[in-house]
Amino acid sequence: MLLTGNKSIRDVIAFPKTQTAACPPTDALGKASDKQLKELHIRVAEPK
């Protein structure tokens, strides 16, 4: 049981995830664009 007294986390999460852990409102688990990676100074190195 949650601290709120609810039996399910889905009752208290504003945007519950799908069964695959995706979040449609935020497009979570989607690929980051090259622009987003550049803004965060992240470089993706593909394995050889």
C-alpha atoms as a PDB file:
ATOM      1  CA  MET A   1       0.000   0.000   0.000  1.00  0.00           C
ATOM      2  CA  LEU A   2       1.236   3.478  -0.845  1.00  0.00           C
ATOM      3  CA  LEU A   3       1.557   6.336   1.625  1.00  0.00           C
ATOM      4  CA  THR A   4      -1.576   7.830   0.091  1.00  0.00           C
ATOM      5  CA  GLY A   5      -3.626   4.781   1.037  1.00  0.00           C
ATOM      6  CA  ASN A   6      -4.109   3.741  -2.588  1.00  0.00           C
ATOM      7  CA  LYS A   7      -3.362   0.199  -3.675  1.00  0.00           C
ATOM      8  CA  SER A   8      -2.004   1.143  -7.098  1.00  0.00           C
ATOM      9  CA  ILE A   9       0.702   3.610  -8.090  1.00  0.00           C
ATOM     10  CA  ARG A  10      -1.435   4.429 -11.164  1.00  0.00           C
ATOM     11  CA  ASP A  11      -3.918   6.184  -8.874  1.00  0.00           C
ATOM     12  CA  VAL A  12      -1.345   8.771  -7.834  1.00  0.00           C
ATOM     13  CA  ILE A  13       0.879   9.268 -10.910  1.00  0.00           C
ATOM     14  CA  ALA A  14      -0.173  12.189 -13.093  1.00  0.00           C
ATOM     15  CA  PHE A  15       1.068  10.520 -16.286  1.00  0.00           C
ATOM     16  CA  PRO A  16       1.339   6.756 -15.756  1.00  0.00           C
ATOM     17  CA  LYS A  17       3.669   4.857 -18.049  1.00  0.00           C
ATOM     18  CA  THR A  18       2.474   2.232 -20.472  1.00  0.00           C
ATOM     19  CA  GLN A  19       3.348  -1.459 -20.069  1.00  0.00           C
ATOM     20  CA  THR A  20       6.546  -0.815 -22.027  1.00  0.00           C
ATOM     21  CA  ALA A  21       7.520   2.088 -19.696  1.00  0.00           C
ATOM     22  CA  ALA A  22       6.881   4.631 -22.433  1.00  0.00           C
ATOM     23  CA  CYS A  23       5.325   7.997 -21.574  1.00  0.00           C
ATOM     24  CA  PRO A  24       3.207   9.315 -24.472  1.00  0.00           C
ATOM     25  CA  PRO A  25       2.861  12.935 -23.178  1.00  0.00           C
ATOM     26  CA  THR A  26       6.640  13.417 -22.915  1.00  0.00           C
ATOM     27  CA  ASP A  27       7.777  10.948 -25.583  1.00  0.00           C
ATOM     28  CA  ALA A  28      10.007   9.360 -22.929  1.00  0.00           C
ATOM     29  CA  LEU A  29      12.234   6.554 -24.068  1.00  0.00           C
ATOM     30  CA  GLY A  30      12.380   8.151 -27.504  1.00  0.00           C
ATOM     31  CA  LYS A  31      15.703   8.855 -29.185  1.00  0.00           C
ATOM     32  CA  ALA A  32      17.329  12.197 -28.479  1.00  0.00           C
ATOM     33  CA  SER A  33      17.864  14.393 -31.514  1.00  0.00           C
ATOM     34  CA  ASP A  34      21.337  15.482 -32.577  1.00  0.00           C
ATOM     35  CA  LYS A  35      20.427  19.021 -31.468  1.00  0.00           C
ATOM     36  CA  GLN A  36      19.476  17.816 -27.978  1.00  0.00           C
ATOM     37  CA  LEU A  37      22.690  15.830 -27.636  1.00  0.00           C
ATOM     38  CA  LYS A  38      24.754  18.817 -28.766  1.00  0.00           C
ATOM     39  CA  GLU A  39      23.030  21.114 -26.238  1.00  0.00           C
ATOM     40  CA  LEU A  40      23.936  18.693 -23.440  1.00  0.00           C
ATOM     41  CA  HIS A  41      27.485  18.107 -24.752  1.00  0.00           C
ATOM     42  CA  ILE A  42      26.826  14.394 -25.171  1.00  0.00           C
ATOM     43  CA  ARG A  43      28.515  12.336 -27.845  1.00  0.00           C
ATOM     44  CA  VAL A  44      27.289   8.843 -28.752  1.00  0.00           C
ATOM     45  CA  ALA A  45      30.034   6.403 -29.642  1.00  0.00           C
ATOM     46  CA  GLU A  46      28.853   3.363 -31.558  1.00  0.00           C
ATOM     47  CA  PRO A  47      30.625   0.107 -30.652  1.00  0.00           C
ATOM     48  CA  LYS A  48      33.074  -1.194 -33.241  1.00  0.00           C
END
